[in-house]
């Protein structure tokens, strides 16, 4: 199912820095995702279909342990996210946002309560779930061309290496004859990580075959409690410096030794640490004992946890609740449209009745 530590250098642009950070792994940690390989080689359509994605819509954390910067927008917009691109026409976005507001406001009292927002978040998360199921059908078909409903690890390995430019027939023959596959070290590391993940997705009784449902868990750990737990263990392993199976605040926000050479890098550094510290203390560490256990992180990561959805609803409302009535009015949501949709609206305060 879809390392962490970052090091800074002043000569990197913001975009280059983002790529660099994803490639900078703890020296003792095995990559939990495939990002390094995918960054090094242009992704083909087939590769995208059969590799576990690093980013999972509606999940608070990425596969590599980074916070999901788009989480608020994903659980507010659901499958309508693409309609709110930054270059979209503001008037159209404003109208669409008003339509969403009326749908969230179930009791039609012209304000959105935490309970109404919670229900909406759960609905939008389910939309992401269903989209993953639809995409998985295509992905499963790509690795199960004979249509027998099951895929072996060797069959998957052939398809994966084929997506990397290897000759599938030659790879299949070598695997059948137990001959060594000559792949570079990076590809071998990814294969080992994928294999571990593959067998984790194989529900008991283990038969080393994945059906369509199990393959969904392989690609999307949020669809299986067992695979969600596996994802959590991978994240903890990569962050846990003392090997006690838990995370301290220092471990969660720590950065490797490095020199910050300009103010832009320093600002990125400070923002990253500040955001992770806030999330650790206020959300993930449920009992506020300064330690995050695997159980706490698993509850935090569970996208269908109703308690989490309610907390998220309250947080989202608090961001825009200028009149402090613990509800959201239309004017407030329009004013803070960038937070909810990722898209800024011009002249948010204009008479909203014009839009109806």
Protein backbone atom coordinates (compact mmCIF):
# COMPACT_ATOMS: atom_id res chain seq x y z
CA UNK A 1 0.00 0.00 0.00
CA UNK A 2 1.13 3.61 -0.54
CA UNK A 3 12.31 8.82 3.84
CA UNK A 4 11.28 11.23 5.80
CA UNK A 5 14.18 13.11 7.08
CA UNK A 6 14.96 16.24 5.17
CA UNK A 7 18.17 18.07 4.54
CA UNK A 8 18.40 21.52 3.17
CA UNK A 9 20.60 23.24 0.67
CA UNK A 10 20.43 26.86 -0.31
CA UNK A 11 20.87 26.36 -4.02
CA UNK A 12 17.65 24.35 -4.39
CA UNK A 13 14.48 25.92 -5.69
CA UNK A 14 11.26 25.13 -3.83
CA UNK A 15 10.32 22.52 -6.43
CA UNK A 16 13.75 20.92 -6.49
CA UNK A 17 13.81 20.93 -2.72
CA UNK A 18 10.54 19.03 -2.53
CA UNK A 19 11.93 16.31 -4.79
CA UNK A 20 15.22 16.25 -2.88
CA UNK A 21 13.48 15.84 0.45
CA UNK A 22 11.58 12.79 -0.74
CA UNK A 23 14.83 11.16 -1.78
CA UNK A 24 16.68 11.84 1.51
CA UNK A 25 16.14 8.74 3.61
CA UNK A 26 17.28 7.75 7.06
CA UNK A 27 20.47 5.80 6.46
CA UNK A 28 19.16 2.87 8.48
CA UNK A 29 15.63 2.85 7.11
CA UNK A 30 14.34 0.85 4.17
CA UNK A 31 12.09 2.92 1.92
CA UNK A 32 8.44 2.42 2.71
CA UNK A 33 7.31 3.73 -0.65
CA UNK A 34 8.35 3.84 -4.26
CA UNK A 35 8.91 7.57 -4.61
CA UNK A 36 12.67 7.41 -5.16
CA UNK A 37 12.32 5.03 -8.08
CA UNK A 38 9.44 6.93 -9.63
CA UNK A 39 11.29 10.25 -9.36
CA UNK A 40 14.32 8.81 -11.08
CA UNK A 41 12.44 7.30 -14.01
CA UNK A 42 9.54 8.96 -15.85
CA UNK A 43 6.36 7.17 -14.89
CA UNK A 44 4.58 5.28 -17.61
CA UNK A 45 0.81 4.83 -17.58
CA UNK A 46 1.25 1.13 -16.87
CA UNK A 47 3.59 1.82 -13.96
CA UNK A 48 1.09 4.22 -12.42
CA UNK A 49 -1.59 1.55 -12.69
CA UNK A 50 0.31 -1.18 -10.86
CA UNK A 51 2.45 0.67 -8.30
CA UNK A 52 1.04 1.61 -4.89
CA UNK A 53 0.57 5.39 -4.94
CA UNK A 54 2.60 7.51 -2.54
CA UNK A 55 -0.36 9.85 -2.06
CA UNK A 56 -3.74 8.57 -0.90
CA UNK A 57 -6.71 10.93 -1.16
CA UNK A 58 -8.49 11.51 2.13
CA UNK A 59 -5.57 10.25 4.25
CA UNK A 60 -3.91 12.60 6.74
CA UNK A 61 -0.43 11.29 6.05
CA UNK A 62 1.44 10.28 2.93
CA UNK A 63 2.95 6.84 2.54
CA UNK A 64 6.37 8.26 3.45
CA UNK A 65 5.14 9.84 6.70
CA UNK A 66 4.77 13.41 5.50
CA UNK A 67 1.60 15.30 6.36
CA UNK A 68 -0.93 15.51 3.52
CA UNK A 69 -1.01 19.19 2.62
CA UNK A 70 -4.22 18.79 0.62
CA UNK A 71 -6.17 16.86 3.23
CA UNK A 72 -8.66 19.64 4.08
CA UNK A 73 -9.51 20.18 0.43
CA UNK A 74 -9.78 16.45 -0.28
CA UNK A 75 -12.30 15.80 2.49
CA UNK A 76 -14.26 18.95 1.70
CA UNK A 77 -14.42 18.62 -2.08
CA UNK A 78 -14.24 14.87 -2.65
CA UNK A 79 -14.27 13.99 -6.34
CA UNK A 80 -14.90 17.66 -7.21
CA UNK A 81 -11.33 18.69 -6.36
CA UNK A 82 -10.30 19.03 -9.99
CA UNK A 83 -13.00 21.64 -10.54
CA UNK A 84 -11.20 24.03 -8.21
CA UNK A 85 -7.88 24.38 -9.97
CA UNK A 86 -5.97 27.55 -9.19
CA UNK A 87 -6.38 28.91 -12.70
CA UNK A 88 -10.14 28.30 -12.77
CA UNK A 89 -12.45 31.24 -13.32
CA UNK A 90 -13.18 32.77 -9.85
CA UNK A 91 -16.85 33.47 -10.52
CA UNK A 92 -17.48 29.85 -11.49
CA UNK A 93 -15.63 28.63 -8.41
CA UNK A 94 -17.62 30.96 -6.18
CA UNK A 95 -20.87 29.62 -7.60
CA UNK A 96 -19.69 26.03 -7.11
CA UNK A 97 -18.67 26.75 -3.53
CA UNK A 98 -22.10 28.19 -2.80
CA UNK A 99 -23.68 25.02 -4.21
CA UNK A 100 -21.50 22.91 -1.90
CA UNK A 101 -22.48 25.07 1.09
CA UNK A 102 -26.18 24.45 0.43
CA UNK A 103 -25.56 20.70 0.27
CA UNK A 104 -23.63 20.65 3.55
CA UNK A 105 -26.32 22.76 5.25
CA UNK A 106 -28.81 19.91 5.65
CA UNK A 107 -31.28 21.72 7.91
CA UNK A 108 -31.27 24.83 5.68
CA UNK A 109 -30.58 27.24 8.55
CA UNK A 110 -27.95 29.09 6.49
CA UNK A 111 -25.10 27.86 8.67
CA UNK A 112 -23.01 24.69 8.85
CA UNK A 113 -22.58 22.95 12.20
CA UNK A 114 -19.81 20.56 13.20
CA UNK A 115 -22.20 17.61 12.86
CA UNK A 116 -23.21 18.68 9.35
CA UNK A 117 -19.56 19.09 8.39
CA UNK A 118 -18.73 15.70 9.91
CA UNK A 119 -21.40 14.01 7.79
CA UNK A 120 -20.08 15.80 4.71
CA UNK A 121 -16.47 14.77 5.41
CA UNK A 122 -17.53 11.13 5.74
CA UNK A 123 -19.41 11.34 2.42
CA UNK A 124 -16.45 12.89 0.61
CA UNK A 125 -14.06 10.32 2.08
CA UNK A 126 -16.34 7.57 0.81
CA UNK A 127 -16.16 9.15 -2.64
CA UNK A 128 -12.38 8.79 -2.57
CA UNK A 129 -12.82 5.18 -1.46
CA UNK A 130 -15.12 4.41 -4.36
CA UNK A 131 -12.78 6.11 -6.82
CA UNK A 132 -9.95 3.88 -5.55
CA UNK A 133 -12.14 0.80 -6.10
CA UNK A 134 -12.87 1.86 -9.69
CA UNK A 135 -9.21 2.53 -10.40
CA UNK A 136 -8.25 -0.79 -8.82
CA UNK A 137 -10.39 -2.71 -11.34
CA UNK A 138 -8.25 -1.28 -14.14
CA UNK A 139 -5.03 -1.88 -12.23
CA UNK A 140 -5.96 -5.47 -11.43
CA UNK A 141 -6.81 -6.14 -15.06
CA UNK A 142 -3.34 -4.83 -16.02
CA UNK A 143 -1.64 -7.49 -13.89
CA UNK A 144 -4.21 -10.25 -14.55
CA UNK A 145 -4.38 -10.41 -18.35
CA UNK A 146 -5.60 -14.03 -18.36
CA UNK A 147 -8.57 -12.97 -16.26
CA UNK A 148 -8.43 -15.89 -13.79
CA UNK A 149 -9.12 -13.55 -10.88
CA UNK A 150 -5.81 -14.19 -9.14
CA UNK A 151 -2.29 -12.80 -9.48
CA UNK A 152 0.88 -14.41 -8.20
CA UNK A 153 3.87 -12.45 -6.95
CA UNK A 154 5.90 -13.66 -9.93
CA UNK A 155 3.21 -12.44 -12.35
CA UNK A 156 3.22 -9.06 -10.69
CA UNK A 157 7.02 -8.94 -10.72
CA UNK A 158 7.03 -9.52 -14.48
CA UNK A 159 4.56 -6.67 -15.04
CA UNK A 160 6.42 -4.33 -12.71
CA UNK A 161 9.77 -4.91 -14.43
CA UNK A 162 8.03 -4.64 -17.78
CA UNK A 163 6.85 -1.16 -16.81
CA UNK A 164 10.51 -0.35 -16.15
CA UNK A 165 11.57 -1.23 -19.67
CA UNK A 166 12.54 -4.86 -19.16
CA UNK A 167 11.41 -7.48 -21.68
CA UNK A 168 8.50 -9.27 -19.99
CA UNK A 169 9.04 -12.57 -21.82
CA UNK A 170 12.72 -12.67 -20.86
CA UNK A 171 11.93 -11.81 -17.23
CA UNK A 172 9.24 -14.51 -17.10
CA UNK A 173 11.65 -17.14 -18.43
CA UNK A 174 14.35 -16.16 -15.93
CA UNK A 175 11.88 -16.34 -13.05
CA UNK A 176 10.57 -19.71 -14.21
CA UNK A 177 14.13 -21.08 -14.42
CA UNK A 178 15.12 -19.49 -11.08
CA UNK A 179 17.78 -17.44 -12.84
CA UNK A 180 19.14 -14.24 -11.34
CA UNK A 181 17.39 -11.05 -12.39
CA UNK A 182 20.03 -8.43 -13.09
CA UNK A 183 18.46 -5.20 -11.86
CA UNK A 184 20.05 -2.15 -10.31
CA UNK A 185 20.25 -1.82 -6.53
CA UNK A 186 17.47 0.74 -6.32
CA UNK A 187 15.03 -1.39 -8.30
CA UNK A 188 15.92 -4.39 -6.15
CA UNK A 189 15.17 -2.43 -2.97
CA UNK A 190 11.78 -1.44 -4.35
CA UNK A 191 11.03 -5.04 -5.31
CA UNK A 192 11.86 -6.22 -1.80
CA UNK A 193 9.60 -3.57 -0.29
CA UNK A 194 6.81 -4.48 -2.72
CA UNK A 195 7.20 -8.18 -1.93
CA UNK A 196 6.87 -7.54 1.80
CA UNK A 197 3.78 -5.48 1.15
CA UNK A 198 2.39 -8.13 -1.23
CA UNK A 199 2.48 -10.87 1.38
CA UNK A 200 1.00 -8.55 3.99
CA UNK A 201 -1.99 -8.04 1.66
CA UNK A 202 -2.45 -11.80 1.23
CA UNK A 203 -5.32 -12.54 3.61
CA UNK A 204 -5.29 -15.83 5.54
CA UNK A 205 -5.21 -18.59 4.65
CA UNK A 206 -2.13 -17.30 2.77
CA UNK A 207 -1.91 -18.74 -0.74
CA UNK A 208 0.60 -16.26 -2.22
CA UNK A 209 -2.11 -15.15 -4.64
CA UNK A 210 -3.96 -11.84 -4.55
CA UNK A 211 -7.54 -11.54 -5.71
CA UNK A 212 -9.03 -8.19 -6.70
CA UNK A 213 -10.01 -7.25 -3.16
CA UNK A 214 -6.57 -8.13 -1.79
CA UNK A 215 -4.92 -6.24 -4.63
CA UNK A 216 -6.98 -3.20 -3.62
CA UNK A 217 -5.48 -3.46 -0.13
CA UNK A 218 -2.03 -3.82 -1.68
CA UNK A 219 -2.45 -0.53 -3.55
CA UNK A 220 -4.65 1.25 -0.99
CA UNK A 221 -3.95 0.32 2.66
CA UNK A 222 -6.85 2.50 3.81
CA UNK A 223 -9.23 -0.21 2.56
CA UNK A 224 -7.96 -2.84 4.99
CA UNK A 225 -7.43 -2.57 8.72
CA UNK A 226 -4.54 -5.00 8.51
CA UNK A 227 -2.82 -3.07 5.73
CA UNK A 228 -3.48 0.25 7.48
CA UNK A 229 -1.68 -1.22 10.49
CA UNK A 230 1.17 -2.29 8.21
CA UNK A 231 1.42 1.24 6.79
CA UNK A 232 1.60 2.64 10.32
CA UNK A 233 4.40 0.23 11.24
CA UNK A 234 6.35 1.29 8.14
CA UNK A 235 6.01 4.98 9.05
CA UNK A 236 6.98 4.39 12.69
CA UNK A 237 9.96 2.29 11.66
CA UNK A 238 11.30 5.08 9.47
CA UNK A 239 10.87 7.77 12.16
CA UNK A 240 11.65 5.77 15.32
CA UNK A 241 15.27 6.59 16.14
CA UNK A 242 15.62 4.62 19.39
CA UNK A 243 13.76 1.52 18.17
CA UNK A 244 11.15 1.41 20.95
CA UNK A 245 8.22 1.20 18.53
CA UNK A 246 6.85 4.59 19.62
CA UNK A 247 7.35 8.17 18.53
CA UNK A 248 8.42 11.12 20.62
CA UNK A 249 7.86 14.68 19.46
CA UNK A 250 11.58 15.01 18.79
CA UNK A 251 11.49 11.95 16.53
CA UNK A 252 8.40 13.14 14.69
CA UNK A 253 9.83 16.57 13.87
CA UNK A 254 13.57 15.81 13.76
CA UNK A 255 15.72 16.81 10.80
CA UNK A 256 19.15 15.39 9.97
CA UNK A 257 22.22 17.49 10.50
CA UNK A 258 22.56 20.07 7.76
CA UNK A 259 23.27 23.70 7.09
CA UNK A 260 20.53 26.13 6.16
CA UNK A 261 22.15 28.48 3.71
CA UNK A 262 19.40 30.94 2.93
CA UNK A 263 16.28 32.42 4.46
CA UNK A 264 13.90 30.64 2.06
CA UNK A 265 15.19 27.23 3.14
CA UNK A 266 15.05 28.31 6.79
CA UNK A 267 11.41 29.37 6.39
CA UNK A 268 10.48 26.04 4.79
CA UNK A 269 12.32 24.24 7.59
CA UNK A 270 10.54 26.23 10.32
CA UNK A 271 7.09 25.80 8.74
CA UNK A 272 7.56 22.04 8.35
CA UNK A 273 8.62 21.62 11.98
CA UNK A 274 5.85 23.91 13.24
CA UNK A 275 3.12 22.04 11.36
CA UNK A 276 4.31 18.62 12.51
CA UNK A 277 4.66 19.78 16.12
CA UNK A 278 1.12 21.15 16.12
CA UNK A 279 -0.32 17.97 14.57
CA UNK A 280 1.60 15.74 17.01
CA UNK A 281 0.58 17.63 20.15
CA UNK A 282 -2.98 18.59 19.28
CA UNK A 283 -4.22 15.66 17.20
CA UNK A 284 -2.10 12.52 17.00
CA UNK A 285 -1.10 12.24 20.68
CA UNK A 286 -4.64 11.47 21.82
CA UNK A 287 -3.90 11.07 25.55
CA UNK A 288 -1.35 13.91 25.60
CA UNK A 289 1.40 11.88 27.28
CA UNK A 290 4.03 13.22 24.82
CA UNK A 291 4.37 9.76 23.23
CA UNK A 292 2.58 8.50 20.11
CA UNK A 293 1.98 4.76 20.04
CA UNK A 294 1.23 2.70 16.95
CA UNK A 295 -2.37 2.44 18.15
CA UNK A 296 -2.71 6.22 18.35
CA UNK A 297 -1.17 6.69 14.93
CA UNK A 298 -3.44 4.00 13.49
CA UNK A 299 -6.54 5.75 14.85
CA UNK A 300 -5.26 9.05 13.47
CA UNK A 301 -4.65 7.50 10.05
CA UNK A 302 -8.04 5.74 9.79
CA UNK A 303 -9.99 7.79 7.21
CA UNK A 304 -13.36 6.32 8.22
CA UNK A 305 -13.01 7.10 11.93
CA UNK A 306 -16.11 9.15 12.77
CA UNK A 307 -14.50 10.70 15.85
CA UNK A 308 -11.63 11.93 13.70
CA UNK A 309 -14.11 13.30 11.17
CA UNK A 310 -15.88 15.27 13.90
CA UNK A 311 -12.59 16.69 15.17
CA UNK A 312 -11.61 17.60 11.64
CA UNK A 313 -14.98 19.30 11.14
CA UNK A 314 -14.45 21.39 14.28
CA UNK A 315 -10.94 22.35 13.17
CA UNK A 316 -12.14 23.36 9.72
CA UNK A 317 -14.92 25.48 11.18
CA UNK A 318 -12.54 27.12 13.68
CA UNK A 319 -10.29 28.33 10.85
CA UNK A 320 -13.05 30.45 9.28
CA UNK A 321 -15.39 31.07 12.24
CA UNK A 322 -14.89 34.82 12.52
CA UNK A 323 -18.04 35.46 14.58
CA UNK A 324 -17.10 32.63 16.99
CA UNK A 325 -20.52 30.94 16.93
CA UNK A 326 -19.01 27.50 16.23
CA UNK A 327 -20.80 27.34 12.88
CA UNK A 328 -19.86 28.39 9.36
CA UNK A 329 -21.84 31.00 7.46
CA UNK A 330 -21.64 31.33 3.69
CA UNK A 331 -19.70 34.62 3.87
CA UNK A 332 -17.07 32.94 6.07
CA UNK A 333 -16.57 29.97 3.79
CA UNK A 334 -16.27 32.26 0.77
CA UNK A 335 -13.71 34.43 2.54
CA UNK A 336 -11.60 31.40 3.45
CA UNK A 337 -12.12 29.63 0.14
CA UNK A 338 -8.40 29.00 -0.33
CA UNK A 339 -8.32 26.87 2.82
CA UNK A 340 -11.32 24.78 1.77
CA UNK A 341 -10.71 24.54 -1.97
CA UNK A 342 -7.11 25.56 -2.64
CA UNK A 343 -8.46 28.33 -4.86
CA UNK A 344 -8.69 32.02 -3.97
CA UNK A 345 -11.89 33.85 -4.80
CA UNK A 346 -11.81 37.53 -5.70
CA UNK A 347 -14.28 39.91 -4.04
CA UNK A 348 -15.59 37.26 -1.64
CA UNK A 349 -17.58 39.89 0.28
CA UNK A 350 -19.75 40.94 -2.62
CA UNK A 351 -23.45 40.32 -2.27
CA UNK A 352 -23.79 36.52 -2.39
CA UNK A 353 -27.38 36.78 -3.63
CA UNK A 354 -25.98 37.65 -7.05
CA UNK A 355 -24.77 34.10 -7.35
CA UNK A 356 -28.14 32.40 -6.96
